[in-house]
Amino acid sequence: MQIRTISGAVRQLQKDDPDTAVTAAYIRRLVLAGKIPYTRSGNRVLLNMDALRNYLELATYCQTSNIPTKQQTAARIASEK
Protein backbone atom coordinates (compact mmCIF):
# COMPACT_ATOMS: atom_id res chain seq x y z
CA MET A 1 0.00 0.00 0.00
CA GLN A 2 1.36 3.37 -1.02
CA ILE A 3 0.19 6.49 0.80
CA ARG A 4 0.93 9.85 -0.84
CA THR A 5 0.01 13.48 -0.47
CA ILE A 6 -1.79 15.01 -3.42
CA SER A 7 1.43 16.41 -4.88
CA GLY A 8 3.19 13.10 -4.19
CA ALA A 9 0.38 11.25 -5.97
CA VAL A 10 0.77 13.48 -9.02
CA ARG A 11 4.54 12.89 -9.04
CA GLN A 12 3.99 9.12 -8.79
CA LEU A 13 1.45 9.15 -11.64
CA GLN A 14 3.84 11.24 -13.77
CA LYS A 15 6.64 8.79 -13.00
CA ASP A 16 4.43 5.86 -14.05
CA ASP A 17 3.09 7.71 -17.11
CA PRO A 18 5.01 10.83 -18.19
CA ASP A 19 2.13 11.88 -20.47
CA THR A 20 -0.57 11.72 -17.78
CA ALA A 21 -3.20 14.43 -17.83
CA VAL A 22 -4.03 14.03 -14.12
CA THR A 23 -3.28 17.19 -12.15
CA ALA A 24 -3.24 18.11 -8.49
CA ALA A 25 -6.33 20.28 -9.05
CA TYR A 26 -8.22 17.29 -10.50
CA ILE A 27 -7.27 15.10 -7.53
CA ARG A 28 -8.36 17.86 -5.12
CA ARG A 29 -11.75 17.98 -6.86
CA LEU A 30 -12.08 14.20 -6.48
CA VAL A 31 -11.27 14.48 -2.77
CA LEU A 32 -13.72 17.34 -2.19
CA ALA A 33 -16.45 15.47 -4.09
CA GLY A 34 -15.86 12.39 -1.93
CA LYS A 35 -15.05 10.23 -4.95
CA ILE A 36 -11.80 8.89 -3.53
CA PRO A 37 -11.05 7.99 0.08
CA TYR A 38 -8.52 10.08 1.97
CA THR A 39 -7.35 10.87 5.45
CA ARG A 40 -5.90 14.03 6.91
CA SER A 41 -2.67 14.41 8.79
CA GLY A 42 -2.62 17.98 10.00
CA ASN A 43 -3.12 20.07 6.86
CA ARG A 44 -2.06 17.28 4.53
CA VAL A 45 -4.46 15.13 2.58
CA LEU A 46 -3.20 11.56 2.34
CA LEU A 47 -4.33 9.24 -0.43
CA ASN A 48 -4.06 5.53 -0.99
CA MET A 49 -2.52 5.22 -4.47
CA ASP A 50 -4.31 1.92 -5.13
CA ALA A 51 -7.69 3.57 -4.49
CA LEU A 52 -6.76 6.52 -6.73
CA ARG A 53 -5.62 4.25 -9.55
CA ASN A 54 -8.76 2.11 -9.21
CA TYR A 55 -10.96 5.21 -9.43
CA LEU A 56 -9.12 6.48 -12.50
CA GLU A 57 -9.35 3.10 -14.21
CA LEU A 58 -13.06 2.79 -13.46
CA ALA A 59 -13.77 6.37 -14.58
CA THR A 60 -11.92 5.72 -17.82
CA TYR A 61 -13.82 2.47 -18.36
CA CYS A 62 -17.20 4.10 -17.74
CA GLN A 63 -16.47 6.94 -20.15
CA THR A 64 -15.27 4.66 -22.93
CA SER A 65 -18.03 2.09 -22.64
CA ASN A 66 -21.75 2.38 -23.17
CA ILE A 67 -22.48 2.70 -19.46
CA PRO A 68 -24.64 5.82 -19.03
CA THR A 69 -23.35 8.57 -16.75
CA LYS A 70 -25.38 9.88 -13.81
CA GLN A 71 -26.37 12.93 -15.86
CA GLN A 72 -27.53 10.77 -18.78
CA THR A 73 -29.55 8.56 -16.46
CA ALA A 74 -31.12 11.58 -14.73
CA ALA A 75 -32.00 13.14 -18.10
CA ARG A 76 -33.59 9.89 -19.30
CA ILE A 77 -35.64 9.58 -16.12
CA ALA A 78 -36.75 13.21 -16.35
CA SER A 79 -37.82 12.76 -19.98
CA GLU A 80 -39.89 9.69 -19.06
CA LYS A 81 -41.97 11.66 -16.51
C-alpha atoms as a PDB file:
ATOM      1  CA  MET A   1       0.000   0.000   0.000  1.00  0.00           C
ATOM      2  CA  GLN A   2       1.360   3.372  -1.023  1.00  0.00           C
ATOM      3  CA  ILE A   3       0.192   6.487   0.797  1.00  0.00           C
ATOM      4  CA  ARG A   4       0.927   9.846  -0.841  1.00  0.00           C
ATOM      5  CA  THR A   5       0.010  13.482  -0.467  1.00  0.00           C
ATOM      6  CA  ILE A   6      -1.792  15.012  -3.424  1.00  0.00           C
ATOM      7  CA  SER A   7       1.431  16.407  -4.879  1.00  0.00           C
ATOM      8  CA  GLY A   8       3.185  13.101  -4.192  1.00  0.00           C
ATOM      9  CA  ALA A   9       0.380  11.250  -5.968  1.00  0.00           C
ATOM     10  CA  VAL A  10       0.772  13.478  -9.024  1.00  0.00           C
ATOM     11  CA  ARG A  11       4.542  12.891  -9.044  1.00  0.00           C
ATOM     12  CA  GLN A  12       3.990   9.123  -8.789  1.00  0.00           C
ATOM     13  CA  LEU A  13       1.449   9.152 -11.635  1.00  0.00           C
ATOM     14  CA  GLN A  14       3.843  11.237 -13.771  1.00  0.00           C
ATOM     15  CA  LYS A  15       6.644   8.792 -13.000  1.00  0.00           C
ATOM     16  CA  ASP A  16       4.435   5.857 -14.050  1.00  0.00           C
ATOM     17  CA  ASP A  17       3.092   7.709 -17.108  1.00  0.00           C
ATOM     18  CA  PRO A  18       5.012  10.827 -18.186  1.00  0.00           C
ATOM     19  CA  ASP A  19       2.132  11.876 -20.469  1.00  0.00           C
ATOM     20  CA  THR A  20      -0.566  11.721 -17.783  1.00  0.00           C
ATOM     21  CA  ALA A  21      -3.197  14.435 -17.827  1.00  0.00           C
ATOM     22  CA  VAL A  22      -4.031  14.030 -14.123  1.00  0.00           C
ATOM     23  CA  THR A  23      -3.280  17.186 -12.155  1.00  0.00           C
ATOM     24  CA  ALA A  24      -3.237  18.114  -8.489  1.00  0.00           C
ATOM     25  CA  ALA A  25      -6.334  20.276  -9.050  1.00  0.00           C
ATOM     26  CA  TYR A  26      -8.216  17.293 -10.496  1.00  0.00           C
ATOM     27  CA  ILE A  27      -7.271  15.095  -7.531  1.00  0.00           C
ATOM     28  CA  ARG A  28      -8.356  17.857  -5.121  1.00  0.00           C
ATOM     29  CA  ARG A  29     -11.754  17.977  -6.865  1.00  0.00           C
ATOM     30  CA  LEU A  30     -12.076  14.200  -6.485  1.00  0.00           C
ATOM     31  CA  VAL A  31     -11.270  14.476  -2.769  1.00  0.00           C
ATOM     32  CA  LEU A  32     -13.717  17.342  -2.194  1.00  0.00           C
ATOM     33  CA  ALA A  33     -16.447  15.472  -4.092  1.00  0.00           C
ATOM     34  CA  GLY A  34     -15.858  12.387  -1.928  1.00  0.00           C
ATOM     35  CA  LYS A  35     -15.054  10.232  -4.948  1.00  0.00           C
ATOM     36  CA  ILE A  36     -11.800   8.887  -3.531  1.00  0.00           C
ATOM     37  CA  PRO A  37     -11.049   7.989   0.080  1.00  0.00           C
ATOM     38  CA  TYR A  38      -8.525  10.079   1.969  1.00  0.00           C
ATOM     39  CA  THR A  39      -7.352  10.875   5.450  1.00  0.00           C
ATOM     40  CA  ARG A  40      -5.904  14.033   6.912  1.00  0.00           C
ATOM     41  CA  SER A  41      -2.670  14.410   8.788  1.00  0.00           C
ATOM     42  CA  GLY A  42      -2.622  17.981  10.000  1.00  0.00           C
ATOM     43  CA  ASN A  43      -3.123  20.070   6.855  1.00  0.00           C
ATOM     44  CA  ARG A  44      -2.059  17.279   4.529  1.00  0.00           C
ATOM     45  CA  VAL A  45      -4.463  15.131   2.576  1.00  0.00           C
ATOM     46  CA  LEU A  46      -3.197  11.558   2.342  1.00  0.00           C
ATOM     47  CA  LEU A  47      -4.325   9.244  -0.432  1.00  0.00           C
ATOM     48  CA  ASN A  48      -4.056   5.530  -0.987  1.00  0.00           C
ATOM     49  CA  MET A  49      -2.523   5.220  -4.469  1.00  0.00           C
ATOM     50  CA  ASP A  50      -4.307   1.917  -5.131  1.00  0.00           C
ATOM     51  CA  ALA A  51      -7.687   3.568  -4.490  1.00  0.00           C
ATOM     52  CA  LEU A  52      -6.764   6.519  -6.731  1.00  0.00           C
ATOM     53  CA  ARG A  53      -5.623   4.248  -9.553  1.00  0.00           C
ATOM     54  CA  ASN A  54      -8.765   2.105  -9.211  1.00  0.00           C
ATOM     55  CA  TYR A  55     -10.959   5.205  -9.433  1.00  0.00           C
ATOM     56  CA  LEU A  56      -9.120   6.477 -12.501  1.00  0.00           C
ATOM     57  CA  GLU A  57      -9.353   3.103 -14.213  1.00  0.00           C
ATOM     58  CA  LEU A  58     -13.063   2.790 -13.458  1.00  0.00           C
ATOM     59  CA  ALA A  59     -13.771   6.372 -14.576  1.00  0.00           C
ATOM     60  CA  THR A  60     -11.924   5.724 -17.822  1.00  0.00           C
ATOM     61  CA  TYR A  61     -13.818   2.470 -18.359  1.00  0.00           C
ATOM     62  CA  CYS A  62     -17.203   4.100 -17.744  1.00  0.00           C
ATOM     63  CA  GLN A  63     -16.475   6.939 -20.151  1.00  0.00           C
ATOM     64  CA  THR A  64     -15.265   4.662 -22.931  1.00  0.00           C
ATOM     65  CA  SER A  65     -18.034   2.087 -22.636  1.00  0.00           C
ATOM     66  CA  ASN A  66     -21.750   2.380 -23.174  1.00  0.00           C
ATOM     67  CA  ILE A  67     -22.481   2.704 -19.457  1.00  0.00           C
ATOM     68  CA  PRO A  68     -24.638   5.820 -19.026  1.00  0.00           C
ATOM     69  CA  THR A  69     -23.348   8.566 -16.746  1.00  0.00           C
ATOM     70  CA  LYS A  70     -25.380   9.879 -13.811  1.00  0.00           C
ATOM     71  CA  GLN A  71     -26.366  12.927 -15.864  1.00  0.00           C
ATOM     72  CA  GLN A  72     -27.528  10.774 -18.783  1.00  0.00           C
ATOM     73  CA  THR A  73     -29.549   8.561 -16.460  1.00  0.00           C
ATOM     74  CA  ALA A  74     -31.118  11.578 -14.731  1.00  0.00           C
ATOM     75  CA  ALA A  75     -32.001  13.144 -18.102  1.00  0.00           C
ATOM     76  CA  ARG A  76     -33.586   9.887 -19.298  1.00  0.00           C
ATOM     77  CA  ILE A  77     -35.645   9.584 -16.115  1.00  0.00           C
ATOM     78  CA  ALA A  78     -36.753  13.214 -16.353  1.00  0.00           C
ATOM     79  CA  SER A  79     -37.820  12.756 -19.980  1.00  0.00           C
ATOM     80  CA  GLU A  80     -39.889   9.693 -19.056  1.00  0.00           C
ATOM     81  CA  LYS A  81     -41.971  11.657 -16.508  1.00  0.00           C
END
